[in-house]
Amino acid sequence: MKNLQQATERICELKGSLVALDALVPAVIEALSASTLARLIESFDAHAEAARTVLLHADISDVVLTTFERDVARNRALLQNSRGHAPPGPSSGLVDALLLSTTRIGTCLGTRVLTSASGFFFRGSDRLFLVSNRHVFADAESAHFPDRIEIVVHTDAQDLSRHAVVSLPLYREGLSLWREATDSGGAIDVAALEVPAAQLPADAVLQAFDAGHLETRDEQVAVGDALTIVGFPLGFHDTVHHLAVARSASIASAYGVRFQRQGCFLTDARTHRGSSGSPVVRRRLRGGATESPLAWQLLGVHSTRMDMRTRDRSQDESLGLNCAWYADVLPTLTAGG
C-alpha cells in the first residue's frame, strides 16, 4: 500500500509540474523576438524529430507514441500562433490530393487515448464517410472497445499547418454508429462511419474517394503492379502539416481472386502498427471524363500483416505480406440511409 501511495503522489506531482510548464511556456514565447521565435521553431522541429526516431525504435506502447505526437503538435501550434509570427505553410495545391484524403485516427475511451490508426474519406449517397478497419472501432480479440475517435482535418487551403481535431462518437444509445459488412467468406475487416457535415469545421479542406475511383477504366490490374499505401505507421507523419506518409507496395496475389476464399488480396509492403485502415491505391494511367483531383484508383483497405505460425523466428524473416480488403464493398457499405 505504501508503494501505491508513493506512486499516486508521484503522479500528482508530475501533473502539477506539467501544469506549471503549460503556464511557463506561453510566457517565455511572448518574450521572444520574431527572429528568435523563428529559430526556436526550427530547433523544436529538429529536437522533436530526434525524439521521434528514438521512440520509434524503443519498446513502448501506442499510448506513449500518441501522447507524444499530440503534445508535439500542440506545442508547435502554440509556437506558430504566437503573436502572428507563424510562417506560411504550403498550399493544399502543392501536395498530392491523396494526402488530403487520408487522416490519422486516434481511438479514445472517455478522455483516455487508446491507439492510433489510419483512415480515409469516401463519399457515398452524397454523404461523407470515414473508412477504416472494423477492428479499429471495436476488437473483441484484443479487448479494444473505444467509445469515440478523433481525426485531424485541415482548415486552411493556403496553410496546411492549420487544422482542427474532430471528435466522432462510435455509439448512440448503446448502438454502434459504424457500418460493417460480411460476405460468403465471413466478416470483412472494413467499416465506414458517417461524418455529419455539422461536425466538420466550416472551412474544412479534404478530398474524398467515391465510386468513380473504383472503376478500372479498361486498365488491367495484375499481380506485381505497383501500389501505394498511405497512412500513419506507428503514428509517424508530418506533424507540422498533418500529412500522412506513403509506402511503396505491389500486388502479391492474384488480383480479383478472393485469397483463401476471403474478400481480400495480398500486398508486398513494409507496414507497421498504425497503418490499419490505410487506402491501398494505384496511380491512374489515364484520366476520366470528369477528372478528379484524386488521380488514383482505390483498390483496397489495408488491414493486417500476414505471417505463418510455422515460421522459425530465429531463422526466418517475416513474409512482409499484408492483407488488403477489396474496396468494391464501399458503395454497398455507404449506400442509402
C-alpha atoms as a PDB file:
ATOM      1  CA  MET A   1       0.000   0.000   0.000  1.00  0.00           C
ATOM      2  CA  LYS A   2       2.903   2.291   0.770  1.00  0.00           C
ATOM      3  CA  ASN A   3       4.320   1.804  -2.752  1.00  0.00           C
ATOM      4  CA  LEU A   4       0.908   2.504  -4.294  1.00  0.00           C
ATOM      5  CA  GLN A   5       0.557   5.661  -2.226  1.00  0.00           C
ATOM      6  CA  GLN A   6       4.011   6.831  -3.292  1.00  0.00           C
ATOM      7  CA  ALA A   7       3.183   6.148  -6.951  1.00  0.00           C
ATOM      8  CA  THR A   8      -0.064   8.115  -6.652  1.00  0.00           C
ATOM      9  CA  GLU A   9       1.729  11.034  -5.027  1.00  0.00           C
ATOM     10  CA  ARG A  10       4.373  10.974  -7.742  1.00  0.00           C
ATOM     11  CA  ILE A  11       1.702  11.050 -10.486  1.00  0.00           C
ATOM     12  CA  CYS A  12       0.075  14.046  -8.797  1.00  0.00           C
ATOM     13  CA  GLU A  13       3.472  15.785  -8.599  1.00  0.00           C
ATOM     14  CA  LEU A  14       4.025  15.183 -12.322  1.00  0.00           C
ATOM     15  CA  LYS A  15       0.592  16.602 -13.149  1.00  0.00           C
ATOM     16  CA  GLY A  16       1.370  19.716 -11.129  1.00  0.00           C
ATOM     17  CA  SER A  17       4.726  20.082 -12.899  1.00  0.00           C
ATOM     18  CA  LEU A  18       3.060  19.801 -16.302  1.00  0.00           C
ATOM     19  CA  VAL A  19       0.513  22.481 -15.418  1.00  0.00           C
ATOM     20  CA  ALA A  20       3.339  24.750 -14.286  1.00  0.00           C
ATOM     21  CA  LEU A  21       5.172  24.166 -17.589  1.00  0.00           C
ATOM     22  CA  ASP A  22       1.966  24.905 -19.514  1.00  0.00           C
ATOM     23  CA  ALA A  23       1.897  28.285 -17.781  1.00  0.00           C
ATOM     24  CA  LEU A  24       5.621  28.946 -18.269  1.00  0.00           C
ATOM     25  CA  VAL A  25       5.976  28.120 -21.972  1.00  0.00           C
ATOM     26  CA  PRO A  26       3.493  30.737 -23.316  1.00  0.00           C
ATOM     27  CA  ALA A  27       5.080  33.361 -21.077  1.00  0.00           C
ATOM     28  CA  VAL A  28       8.554  32.574 -22.445  1.00  0.00           C
ATOM     29  CA  ILE A  29       7.309  32.623 -26.042  1.00  0.00           C
ATOM     30  CA  GLU A  30       5.651  36.015 -25.569  1.00  0.00           C
ATOM     31  CA  ALA A  31       9.021  37.471 -24.505  1.00  0.00           C
ATOM     32  CA  LEU A  32      10.818  36.333 -27.681  1.00  0.00           C
ATOM     33  CA  SER A  33      11.538  38.460 -30.727  1.00  0.00           C
ATOM     34  CA  ALA A  34      10.284  37.351 -34.132  1.00  0.00           C
ATOM     35  CA  SER A  35      13.745  36.182 -35.252  1.00  0.00           C
ATOM     36  CA  THR A  36      14.345  34.261 -32.022  1.00  0.00           C
ATOM     37  CA  LEU A  37      10.909  32.657 -32.253  1.00  0.00           C
ATOM     38  CA  ALA A  38      11.644  31.528 -35.811  1.00  0.00           C
ATOM     39  CA  ARG A  39      14.912  29.904 -34.635  1.00  0.00           C
ATOM     40  CA  LEU A  40      13.074  28.282 -31.735  1.00  0.00           C
ATOM     41  CA  ILE A  41      10.516  26.712 -34.091  1.00  0.00           C
ATOM     42  CA  GLU A  42      13.295  25.332 -36.285  1.00  0.00           C
ATOM     43  CA  SER A  43      15.168  23.957 -33.262  1.00  0.00           C
ATOM     44  CA  PHE A  44      11.974  22.469 -31.783  1.00  0.00           C
ATOM     45  CA  ASP A  45      11.241  20.627 -35.050  1.00  0.00           C
ATOM     46  CA  ALA A  46      14.750  19.160 -35.093  1.00  0.00           C
ATOM     47  CA  HIS A  47      14.620  18.012 -31.469  1.00  0.00           C
ATOM     48  CA  ALA A  48      11.102  16.586 -31.887  1.00  0.00           C
ATOM     49  CA  GLU A  49      12.253  14.592 -34.911  1.00  0.00           C
ATOM     50  CA  ALA A  50      15.225  13.231 -32.949  1.00  0.00           C
ATOM     51  CA  ALA A  51      12.967  12.231 -30.080  1.00  0.00           C
ATOM     52  CA  ARG A  52      10.536  10.622 -32.531  1.00  0.00           C
ATOM     53  CA  THR A  53      13.331   8.498 -34.004  1.00  0.00           C
ATOM     54  CA  VAL A  54      14.280   7.282 -30.533  1.00  0.00           C
ATOM     55  CA  LEU A  55      10.673   6.420 -29.673  1.00  0.00           C
ATOM     56  CA  LEU A  56      10.089   4.534 -32.933  1.00  0.00           C
ATOM     57  CA  HIS A  57      12.997   2.227 -32.073  1.00  0.00           C
ATOM     58  CA  ALA A  58      12.023   1.763 -28.438  1.00  0.00           C
ATOM     59  CA  ASP A  59       9.765  -0.858 -26.918  1.00  0.00           C
ATOM     60  CA  ILE A  60       6.931   1.442 -25.867  1.00  0.00           C
ATOM     61  CA  SER A  61       3.154   1.422 -26.085  1.00  0.00           C
ATOM     62  CA  ASP A  62       0.899   3.133 -28.613  1.00  0.00           C
ATOM     63  CA  VAL A  63      -0.334   5.395 -25.806  1.00  0.00           C
ATOM     64  CA  VAL A  64       3.156   6.868 -25.342  1.00  0.00           C
ATOM     65  CA  LEU A  65       3.533   7.490 -29.088  1.00  0.00           C
ATOM     66  CA  THR A  66       0.065   9.010 -29.409  1.00  0.00           C
ATOM     67  CA  THR A  67       0.588  11.292 -26.406  1.00  0.00           C
ATOM     68  CA  PHE A  68       3.985  12.375 -27.741  1.00  0.00           C
ATOM     69  CA  GLU A  69       2.601  13.259 -31.178  1.00  0.00           C
ATOM     70  CA  ARG A  70      -0.389  15.061 -29.678  1.00  0.00           C
ATOM     71  CA  ASP A  71       1.764  17.227 -27.409  1.00  0.00           C
ATOM     72  CA  VAL A  72       4.324  17.934 -30.139  1.00  0.00           C
ATOM     73  CA  ALA A  73       1.502  19.143 -32.381  1.00  0.00           C
ATOM     74  CA  ARG A  74       0.008  21.207 -29.559  1.00  0.00           C
ATOM     75  CA  ASN A  75       3.322  22.840 -28.663  1.00  0.00           C
ATOM     76  CA  ARG A  76       4.182  23.601 -32.258  1.00  0.00           C
ATOM     77  CA  ALA A  77       0.774  25.158 -32.814  1.00  0.00           C
ATOM     78  CA  LEU A  78       1.446  27.303 -29.753  1.00  0.00           C
ATOM     79  CA  LEU A  79       4.755  28.428 -31.255  1.00  0.00           C
ATOM     80  CA  GLN A  80       3.287  29.085 -34.684  1.00  0.00           C
ATOM     81  CA  ASN A  81       0.288  31.042 -33.472  1.00  0.00           C
ATOM     82  CA  SER A  82       2.262  33.240 -31.097  1.00  0.00           C
ATOM     83  CA  ARG A  83       1.672  36.926 -31.972  1.00  0.00           C
ATOM     84  CA  GLY A  84       1.130  36.125 -35.631  1.00  0.00           C
ATOM     85  CA  HIS A  85       4.746  35.049 -36.234  1.00  0.00           C
ATOM     86  CA  ALA A  86       3.753  31.796 -37.914  1.00  0.00           C
ATOM     87  CA  PRO A  87       5.488  31.308 -41.233  1.00  0.00           C
ATOM     88  CA  PRO A  88       3.083  30.443 -44.040  1.00  0.00           C
ATOM     89  CA  GLY A  89       2.684  26.722 -44.652  1.00  0.00           C
ATOM     90  CA  PRO A  90       2.388  25.076 -48.039  1.00  0.00           C
ATOM     91  CA  SER A  91      -0.833  25.406 -50.003  1.00  0.00           C
ATOM     92  CA  SER A  92      -3.038  22.348 -50.473  1.00  0.00           C
ATOM     93  CA  GLY A  93      -2.437  22.808 -54.195  1.00  0.00           C
ATOM     94  CA  LEU A  94       1.233  21.918 -53.672  1.00  0.00           C
ATOM     95  CA  VAL A  95       0.591  18.426 -52.322  1.00  0.00           C
ATOM     96  CA  ASP A  96      -1.000  15.381 -53.915  1.00  0.00           C
ATOM     97  CA  ALA A  97      -4.733  15.252 -53.227  1.00  0.00           C
ATOM     98  CA  LEU A  98      -4.198  11.705 -51.958  1.00  0.00           C
ATOM     99  CA  LEU A  99      -2.610  13.113 -48.798  1.00  0.00           C
ATOM    100  CA  LEU A 100      -5.729  15.199 -48.130  1.00  0.00           C
ATOM    101  CA  SER A 101      -7.961  12.119 -48.395  1.00  0.00           C
ATOM    102  CA  THR A 102      -6.218  10.330 -45.536  1.00  0.00           C
ATOM    103  CA  THR A 103      -6.413  11.161 -41.849  1.00  0.00           C
ATOM    104  CA  ARG A 104      -4.925   9.906 -38.625  1.00  0.00           C
ATOM    105  CA  ILE A 105      -7.376   8.228 -36.247  1.00  0.00           C
ATOM    106  CA  GLY A 106      -6.960   8.308 -32.510  1.00  0.00           C
ATOM    107  CA  THR A 107      -9.219   5.899 -30.621  1.00  0.00           C
ATOM    108  CA  CYS A 108     -10.390   7.039 -27.202  1.00  0.00           C
ATOM    109  CA  LEU A 109     -12.309   5.751 -24.225  1.00  0.00           C
ATOM    110  CA  GLY A 110     -13.586   8.800 -22.421  1.00  0.00           C
ATOM    111  CA  THR A 111     -10.571  11.055 -22.007  1.00  0.00           C
ATOM    112  CA  ARG A 112      -8.093   8.190 -22.329  1.00  0.00           C
ATOM    113  CA  VAL A 113      -6.228   7.746 -25.625  1.00  0.00           C
ATOM    114  CA  LEU A 114      -6.041   4.085 -26.653  1.00  0.00           C
ATOM    115  CA  THR A 115      -4.449   3.550 -30.070  1.00  0.00           C
ATOM    116  CA  SER A 116      -3.507   5.217 -33.320  1.00  0.00           C
ATOM    117  CA  ALA A 117      -4.703   4.077 -36.763  1.00  0.00           C
ATOM    118  CA  SER A 118      -5.355   5.347 -40.282  1.00  0.00           C
ATOM    119  CA  GLY A 119      -8.476   6.111 -42.268  1.00  0.00           C
ATOM    120  CA  PHE A 120      -9.654   7.848 -45.418  1.00  0.00           C
ATOM    121  CA  PHE A 121     -12.694   9.738 -46.660  1.00  0.00           C
ATOM    122  CA  PHE A 122     -15.223   8.201 -49.044  1.00  0.00           C
ATOM    123  CA  ARG A 123     -18.316   9.884 -50.400  1.00  0.00           C
ATOM    124  CA  GLY A 124     -21.394   7.754 -50.973  1.00  0.00           C
ATOM    125  CA  SER A 125     -25.036   8.751 -51.468  1.00  0.00           C
ATOM    126  CA  ASP A 126     -23.970  12.410 -51.198  1.00  0.00           C
ATOM    127  CA  ARG A 127     -22.726  11.820 -47.670  1.00  0.00           C
ATOM    128  CA  LEU A 128     -19.203  11.739 -46.309  1.00  0.00           C
ATOM    129  CA  PHE A 129     -17.840   8.649 -44.574  1.00  0.00           C
ATOM    130  CA  LEU A 130     -14.631   7.808 -42.761  1.00  0.00           C
ATOM    131  CA  VAL A 131     -13.394   4.366 -43.802  1.00  0.00           C
ATOM    132  CA  SER A 132     -11.038   2.250 -41.738  1.00  0.00           C
ATOM    133  CA  ASN A 133     -10.792  -1.287 -40.401  1.00  0.00           C
ATOM    134  CA  ARG A 134     -13.568  -2.679 -38.296  1.00  0.00           C
ATOM    135  CA  HIS A 135     -11.017  -3.707 -35.656  1.00  0.00           C
ATOM    136  CA  VAL A 136     -10.065  -0.025 -35.241  1.00  0.00           C
ATOM    137  CA  PHE A 137     -13.583   0.730 -33.970  1.00  0.00           C
ATOM    138  CA  ALA A 138     -14.019  -2.459 -31.931  1.00  0.00           C
ATOM    139  CA  ASP A 139     -11.995  -5.636 -31.498  1.00  0.00           C
ATOM    140  CA  ALA A 140     -13.043  -8.304 -29.028  1.00  0.00           C
ATOM    141  CA  GLU A 141      -9.854 -10.343 -29.507  1.00  0.00           C
ATOM    142  CA  SER A 142      -7.682  -7.543 -28.119  1.00  0.00           C
ATOM    143  CA  ALA A 143     -10.393  -6.170 -25.782  1.00  0.00           C
ATOM    144  CA  HIS A 144     -10.286  -2.895 -27.697  1.00  0.00           C
ATOM    145  CA  PHE A 145     -13.565  -1.002 -27.208  1.00  0.00           C
ATOM    146  CA  PRO A 146     -13.230   2.771 -27.686  1.00  0.00           C
ATOM    147  CA  ASP A 147     -16.331   4.934 -27.407  1.00  0.00           C
ATOM    148  CA  ARG A 148     -15.168   7.664 -29.776  1.00  0.00           C
ATOM    149  CA  ILE A 149     -12.441   8.560 -32.240  1.00  0.00           C
ATOM    150  CA  GLU A 150     -10.570  11.735 -33.069  1.00  0.00           C
ATOM    151  CA  ILE A 151      -9.486  12.711 -36.576  1.00  0.00           C
ATOM    152  CA  VAL A 152      -7.480  15.649 -37.922  1.00  0.00           C
ATOM    153  CA  VAL A 153      -8.963  17.876 -40.642  1.00  0.00           C
ATOM    154  CA  HIS A 154      -7.143  20.706 -42.410  1.00  0.00           C
ATOM    155  CA  THR A 155      -8.830  24.098 -42.169  1.00  0.00           C
ATOM    156  CA  ASP A 156      -6.784  26.345 -44.465  1.00  0.00           C
ATOM    157  CA  ALA A 157      -6.126  25.572 -48.133  1.00  0.00           C
ATOM    158  CA  GLN A 158      -3.197  28.012 -48.123  1.00  0.00           C
ATOM    159  CA  ASP A 159      -1.572  26.866 -44.876  1.00  0.00           C
ATOM    160  CA  LEU A 160      -1.705  23.135 -44.161  1.00  0.00           C
ATOM    161  CA  SER A 161      -0.304  23.619 -40.673  1.00  0.00           C
ATOM    162  CA  ARG A 162      -3.741  24.869 -39.636  1.00  0.00           C
ATOM    163  CA  HIS A 163      -6.098  22.113 -38.603  1.00  0.00           C
ATOM    164  CA  ALA A 164      -8.922  21.041 -36.329  1.00  0.00           C
ATOM    165  CA  VAL A 165      -9.353  17.885 -34.275  1.00  0.00           C
ATOM    166  CA  VAL A 166     -12.813  16.418 -34.812  1.00  0.00           C
ATOM    167  CA  SER A 167     -14.289  14.024 -32.253  1.00  0.00           C
ATOM    168  CA  LEU A 168     -16.766  11.448 -33.564  1.00  0.00           C
ATOM    169  CA  PRO A 169     -18.819   9.195 -31.265  1.00  0.00           C
ATOM    170  CA  LEU A 170     -18.903   5.481 -32.052  1.00  0.00           C
ATOM    171  CA  TYR A 171     -22.146   4.747 -30.206  1.00  0.00           C
ATOM    172  CA  ARG A 172     -25.529   6.348 -29.735  1.00  0.00           C
ATOM    173  CA  GLU A 173     -27.942   4.961 -27.159  1.00  0.00           C
ATOM    174  CA  GLY A 174     -25.812   1.855 -26.902  1.00  0.00           C
ATOM    175  CA  LEU A 175     -25.861   1.109 -30.643  1.00  0.00           C
ATOM    176  CA  SER A 176     -22.765   1.272 -32.845  1.00  0.00           C
ATOM    177  CA  LEU A 177     -22.791   4.032 -35.454  1.00  0.00           C
ATOM    178  CA  TRP A 178     -20.391   2.497 -37.952  1.00  0.00           C
ATOM    179  CA  ARG A 179     -21.404   0.257 -40.820  1.00  0.00           C
ATOM    180  CA  GLU A 180     -19.779  -3.102 -41.441  1.00  0.00           C
ATOM    181  CA  ALA A 181     -20.295  -5.946 -43.881  1.00  0.00           C
ATOM    182  CA  THR A 182     -19.960  -9.684 -44.317  1.00  0.00           C
ATOM    183  CA  ASP A 183     -19.802 -11.904 -47.373  1.00  0.00           C
ATOM    184  CA  SER A 184     -19.767 -15.608 -48.117  1.00  0.00           C
ATOM    185  CA  GLY A 185     -16.288 -15.856 -46.602  1.00  0.00           C
ATOM    186  CA  GLY A 186     -17.346 -14.278 -43.312  1.00  0.00           C
ATOM    187  CA  ALA A 187     -16.679 -10.912 -41.709  1.00  0.00           C
ATOM    188  CA  ILE A 188     -14.916  -8.183 -43.667  1.00  0.00           C
ATOM    189  CA  ASP A 189     -12.452  -6.057 -41.729  1.00  0.00           C
ATOM    190  CA  VAL A 190     -13.755  -2.804 -43.225  1.00  0.00           C
ATOM    191  CA  ALA A 191     -16.055  -0.286 -41.565  1.00  0.00           C
ATOM    192  CA  ALA A 192     -17.490   3.080 -42.559  1.00  0.00           C
ATOM    193  CA  LEU A 193     -18.504   5.798 -40.103  1.00  0.00           C
ATOM    194  CA  GLU A 194     -20.603   8.679 -41.381  1.00  0.00           C
ATOM    195  CA  VAL A 195     -19.112  12.116 -40.771  1.00  0.00           C
ATOM    196  CA  PRO A 196     -22.009  14.574 -40.346  1.00  0.00           C
ATOM    197  CA  ALA A 197     -21.371  17.896 -42.052  1.00  0.00           C
ATOM    198  CA  ALA A 198     -22.320  19.693 -38.839  1.00  0.00           C
ATOM    199  CA  GLN A 199     -19.383  18.088 -37.031  1.00  0.00           C
ATOM    200  CA  LEU A 200     -16.823  19.305 -39.551  1.00  0.00           C
ATOM    201  CA  PRO A 201     -15.356  22.805 -39.332  1.00  0.00           C
ATOM    202  CA  ALA A 202     -16.943  25.155 -41.857  1.00  0.00           C
ATOM    203  CA  ASP A 203     -13.550  25.695 -43.528  1.00  0.00           C
ATOM    204  CA  ALA A 204     -12.599  22.004 -43.730  1.00  0.00           C
ATOM    205  CA  VAL A 205     -10.149  21.151 -46.513  1.00  0.00           C
ATOM    206  CA  LEU A 206     -10.212  17.498 -47.573  1.00  0.00           C
ATOM    207  CA  GLN A 207     -10.523  15.140 -50.529  1.00  0.00           C
ATOM    208  CA  ALA A 208     -12.777  12.080 -50.711  1.00  0.00           C
ATOM    209  CA  PHE A 209     -12.851   8.993 -52.879  1.00  0.00           C
ATOM    210  CA  ASP A 210     -16.124   7.929 -54.489  1.00  0.00           C
ATOM    211  CA  ALA A 211     -17.412   5.071 -56.622  1.00  0.00           C
ATOM    212  CA  GLY A 212     -15.652   6.517 -59.657  1.00  0.00           C
ATOM    213  CA  HIS A 213     -12.285   5.769 -58.053  1.00  0.00           C
ATOM    214  CA  LEU A 214     -13.137   2.047 -58.032  1.00  0.00           C
ATOM    215  CA  GLU A 215     -13.530   1.845 -61.813  1.00  0.00           C
ATOM    216  CA  THR A 216     -10.763   0.153 -63.783  1.00  0.00           C
ATOM    217  CA  ARG A 217     -11.295   2.320 -66.919  1.00  0.00           C
ATOM    218  CA  ASP A 218     -10.152  -0.620 -69.055  1.00  0.00           C
ATOM    219  CA  GLU A 219      -6.823  -0.694 -67.224  1.00  0.00           C
ATOM    220  CA  GLN A 220      -5.674  -4.182 -66.376  1.00  0.00           C
ATOM    221  CA  VAL A 221      -4.793  -4.773 -62.729  1.00  0.00           C
ATOM    222  CA  ALA A 222      -2.468  -7.713 -62.213  1.00  0.00           C
ATOM    223  CA  VAL A 223      -0.060  -9.369 -59.795  1.00  0.00           C
ATOM    224  CA  GLY A 224       3.146  -7.370 -59.411  1.00  0.00           C
ATOM    225  CA  ASP A 225       1.552  -3.989 -60.150  1.00  0.00           C
ATOM    226  CA  ALA A 226       2.960  -1.071 -58.183  1.00  0.00           C
ATOM    227  CA  LEU A 227       0.757   0.226 -55.354  1.00  0.00           C
ATOM    228  CA  THR A 228       0.902   2.905 -52.694  1.00  0.00           C
ATOM    229  CA  ILE A 229      -0.270   2.534 -49.090  1.00  0.00           C
ATOM    230  CA  VAL A 230      -0.829   5.906 -47.422  1.00  0.00           C
ATOM    231  CA  GLY A 231      -1.211   6.125 -43.673  1.00  0.00           C
ATOM    232  CA  PHE A 232       0.357   6.703 -40.275  1.00  0.00           C
ATOM    233  CA  PRO A 233       2.720   3.813 -39.412  1.00  0.00           C
ATOM    234  CA  LEU A 234       3.356   3.853 -35.661  1.00  0.00           C
ATOM    235  CA  GLY A 235       1.628   7.237 -35.738  1.00  0.00           C
ATOM    236  CA  PHE A 236       4.512   8.676 -37.768  1.00  0.00           C
ATOM    237  CA  HIS A 237       3.651  11.590 -40.088  1.00  0.00           C
ATOM    238  CA  ASP A 238       4.451  15.195 -40.931  1.00  0.00           C
ATOM    239  CA  THR A 239       3.419  16.697 -37.616  1.00  0.00           C
ATOM    240  CA  VAL A 240       3.783  20.259 -38.910  1.00  0.00           C
ATOM    241  CA  HIS A 241       1.420  19.928 -41.866  1.00  0.00           C
ATOM    242  CA  HIS A 242      -0.527  16.898 -40.574  1.00  0.00           C
ATOM    243  CA  LEU A 243       0.054  14.791 -43.665  1.00  0.00           C
ATOM    244  CA  ALA A 244       0.373  11.026 -43.946  1.00  0.00           C
ATOM    245  CA  VAL A 245       3.355   9.177 -45.397  1.00  0.00           C
ATOM    246  CA  ALA A 246       3.312   6.762 -48.336  1.00  0.00           C
ATOM    247  CA  ARG A 247       4.863   3.300 -48.526  1.00  0.00           C
ATOM    248  CA  SER A 248       5.566   1.518 -51.801  1.00  0.00           C
ATOM    249  CA  ALA A 249       3.839  -1.818 -52.326  1.00  0.00           C
ATOM    250  CA  SER A 250       2.935  -4.315 -55.007  1.00  0.00           C
ATOM    251  CA  ILE A 251       0.115  -6.779 -55.617  1.00  0.00           C
ATOM    252  CA  ALA A 252       1.301 -10.123 -54.230  1.00  0.00           C
ATOM    253  CA  SER A 253      -1.639 -12.426 -55.027  1.00  0.00           C
ATOM    254  CA  ALA A 254      -3.978 -12.936 -57.964  1.00  0.00           C
ATOM    255  CA  TYR A 255      -5.980  -9.694 -58.108  1.00  0.00           C
ATOM    256  CA  GLY A 256      -9.711 -10.313 -58.459  1.00  0.00           C
ATOM    257  CA  VAL A 257      -9.385 -13.709 -56.786  1.00  0.00           C
ATOM    258  CA  ARG A 258     -10.513 -13.959 -53.184  1.00  0.00           C
ATOM    259  CA  PHE A 259      -7.403 -15.028 -51.278  1.00  0.00           C
ATOM    260  CA  GLN A 260      -8.225 -18.214 -49.351  1.00  0.00           C
ATOM    261  CA  ARG A 261     -11.899 -17.504 -50.196  1.00  0.00           C
ATOM    262  CA  GLN A 262     -11.927 -14.248 -48.245  1.00  0.00           C
ATOM    263  CA  GLY A 263     -12.687 -10.826 -49.681  1.00  0.00           C
ATOM    264  CA  CYS A 264      -9.078  -9.724 -49.738  1.00  0.00           C
ATOM    265  CA  PHE A 265      -5.862  -9.817 -51.753  1.00  0.00           C
ATOM    266  CA  LEU A 266      -2.238  -9.666 -50.633  1.00  0.00           C
ATOM    267  CA  THR A 267       0.240  -6.825 -50.910  1.00  0.00           C
ATOM    268  CA  ASP A 268       4.004  -6.904 -50.570  1.00  0.00           C
ATOM    269  CA  ALA A 269       4.993  -3.909 -48.451  1.00  0.00           C
ATOM    270  CA  ARG A 270       6.743  -2.882 -45.280  1.00  0.00           C
ATOM    271  CA  THR A 271       3.984  -1.904 -42.869  1.00  0.00           C
ATOM    272  CA  HIS A 272       3.649  -1.245 -39.147  1.00  0.00           C
ATOM    273  CA  ARG A 273       1.038  -0.825 -36.436  1.00  0.00           C
ATOM    274  CA  GLY A 274      -0.936   2.336 -37.053  1.00  0.00           C
ATOM    275  CA  SER A 275      -1.301   1.624 -40.780  1.00  0.00           C
ATOM    276  CA  SER A 276      -4.575  -0.225 -40.229  1.00  0.00           C
ATOM    277  CA  GLY A 277      -7.279   1.374 -42.378  1.00  0.00           C
ATOM    278  CA  SER A 278      -4.926   2.933 -44.930  1.00  0.00           C
ATOM    279  CA  PRO A 279      -6.131   3.194 -48.528  1.00  0.00           C
ATOM    280  CA  VAL A 280      -4.357   0.895 -50.978  1.00  0.00           C
ATOM    281  CA  VAL A 281      -4.195   2.750 -54.282  1.00  0.00           C
ATOM    282  CA  ARG A 282      -2.764   2.551 -57.794  1.00  0.00           C
ATOM    283  CA  ARG A 283      -1.911   5.648 -59.812  1.00  0.00           C
ATOM    284  CA  ARG A 284      -4.176   6.148 -62.795  1.00  0.00           C
ATOM    285  CA  LEU A 285      -2.646   5.615 -66.220  1.00  0.00           C
ATOM    286  CA  ARG A 286      -5.360   7.595 -67.996  1.00  0.00           C
ATOM    287  CA  GLY A 287      -7.872  10.249 -66.988  1.00  0.00           C
ATOM    288  CA  GLY A 288     -11.645  10.089 -66.952  1.00  0.00           C
ATOM    289  CA  ALA A 289     -14.358  12.212 -68.498  1.00  0.00           C
ATOM    290  CA  THR A 290     -14.599  14.300 -65.322  1.00  0.00           C
ATOM    291  CA  GLU A 291     -11.155  14.006 -63.839  1.00  0.00           C
ATOM    292  CA  SER A 292     -10.959  14.171 -60.035  1.00  0.00           C
ATOM    293  CA  PRO A 293      -8.011  15.766 -58.210  1.00  0.00           C
ATOM    294  CA  LEU A 294      -7.547  12.245 -56.809  1.00  0.00           C
ATOM    295  CA  ALA A 295      -5.815  10.677 -59.798  1.00  0.00           C
ATOM    296  CA  TRP A 296      -5.725   7.268 -58.140  1.00  0.00           C
ATOM    297  CA  GLN A 297      -7.628   4.012 -58.372  1.00  0.00           C
ATOM    298  CA  LEU A 298      -8.785   2.793 -54.963  1.00  0.00           C
ATOM    299  CA  LEU A 299      -8.159  -0.959 -54.807  1.00  0.00           C
ATOM    300  CA  GLY A 300      -8.324  -1.899 -51.166  1.00  0.00           C
ATOM    301  CA  VAL A 301      -8.195  -1.152 -47.457  1.00  0.00           C
ATOM    302  CA  HIS A 302      -5.025  -2.252 -45.684  1.00  0.00           C
ATOM    303  CA  SER A 303      -5.747  -4.409 -42.670  1.00  0.00           C
ATOM    304  CA  THR A 304      -3.041  -6.579 -41.128  1.00  0.00           C
ATOM    305  CA  ARG A 305       0.342  -8.093 -41.738  1.00  0.00           C
ATOM    306  CA  MET A 306       0.316 -11.741 -42.749  1.00  0.00           C
ATOM    307  CA  ASP A 307       2.623 -14.306 -41.220  1.00  0.00           C
ATOM    308  CA  MET A 308       2.978 -18.053 -40.789  1.00  0.00           C
ATOM    309  CA  ARG A 309       2.652 -19.731 -37.429  1.00  0.00           C
ATOM    310  CA  THR A 310       5.204 -22.294 -38.583  1.00  0.00           C
ATOM    311  CA  ARG A 311       7.857 -19.633 -39.227  1.00  0.00           C
ATOM    312  CA  ASP A 312      11.038 -20.149 -37.216  1.00  0.00           C
ATOM    313  CA  ARG A 313      11.531 -16.665 -35.792  1.00  0.00           C
ATOM    314  CA  SER A 314      15.222 -17.326 -35.148  1.00  0.00           C
ATOM    315  CA  GLN A 315      15.919 -18.338 -38.773  1.00  0.00           C
ATOM    316  CA  ASP A 316      13.141 -16.988 -40.996  1.00  0.00           C
ATOM    317  CA  GLU A 317      12.337 -13.368 -41.694  1.00  0.00           C
ATOM    318  CA  SER A 318       8.757 -12.137 -41.714  1.00  0.00           C
ATOM    319  CA  LEU A 319       6.992 -12.696 -45.017  1.00  0.00           C
ATOM    320  CA  GLY A 320       6.417  -8.976 -45.476  1.00  0.00           C
ATOM    321  CA  LEU A 321       2.931  -9.663 -46.849  1.00  0.00           C
ATOM    322  CA  ASN A 322      -0.259  -7.851 -45.905  1.00  0.00           C
ATOM    323  CA  CYS A 323      -3.998  -8.322 -46.202  1.00  0.00           C
ATOM    324  CA  ALA A 324      -5.937  -5.687 -48.180  1.00  0.00           C
ATOM    325  CA  TRP A 325      -9.723  -5.973 -48.337  1.00  0.00           C
ATOM    326  CA  TYR A 326     -11.255  -5.238 -51.732  1.00  0.00           C
ATOM    327  CA  ALA A 327     -12.584  -1.675 -51.818  1.00  0.00           C
ATOM    328  CA  ASP A 328     -15.556  -2.610 -54.042  1.00  0.00           C
ATOM    329  CA  VAL A 329     -17.524  -3.223 -50.840  1.00  0.00           C
ATOM    330  CA  LEU A 330     -17.625   0.534 -50.142  1.00  0.00           C
ATOM    331  CA  PRO A 331     -20.533   1.572 -52.419  1.00  0.00           C
ATOM    332  CA  THR A 332     -22.731  -1.008 -50.697  1.00  0.00           C
ATOM    333  CA  LEU A 333     -21.426  -0.040 -47.282  1.00  0.00           C
ATOM    334  CA  THR A 334     -22.196   3.657 -47.813  1.00  0.00           C
ATOM    335  CA  ALA A 335     -25.424   3.378 -49.788  1.00  0.00           C
ATOM    336  CA  GLY A 336     -28.858   4.589 -48.690  1.00  0.00           C
ATOM    337  CA  GLY A 337     -29.893   5.594 -45.229  1.00  0.00           C
END
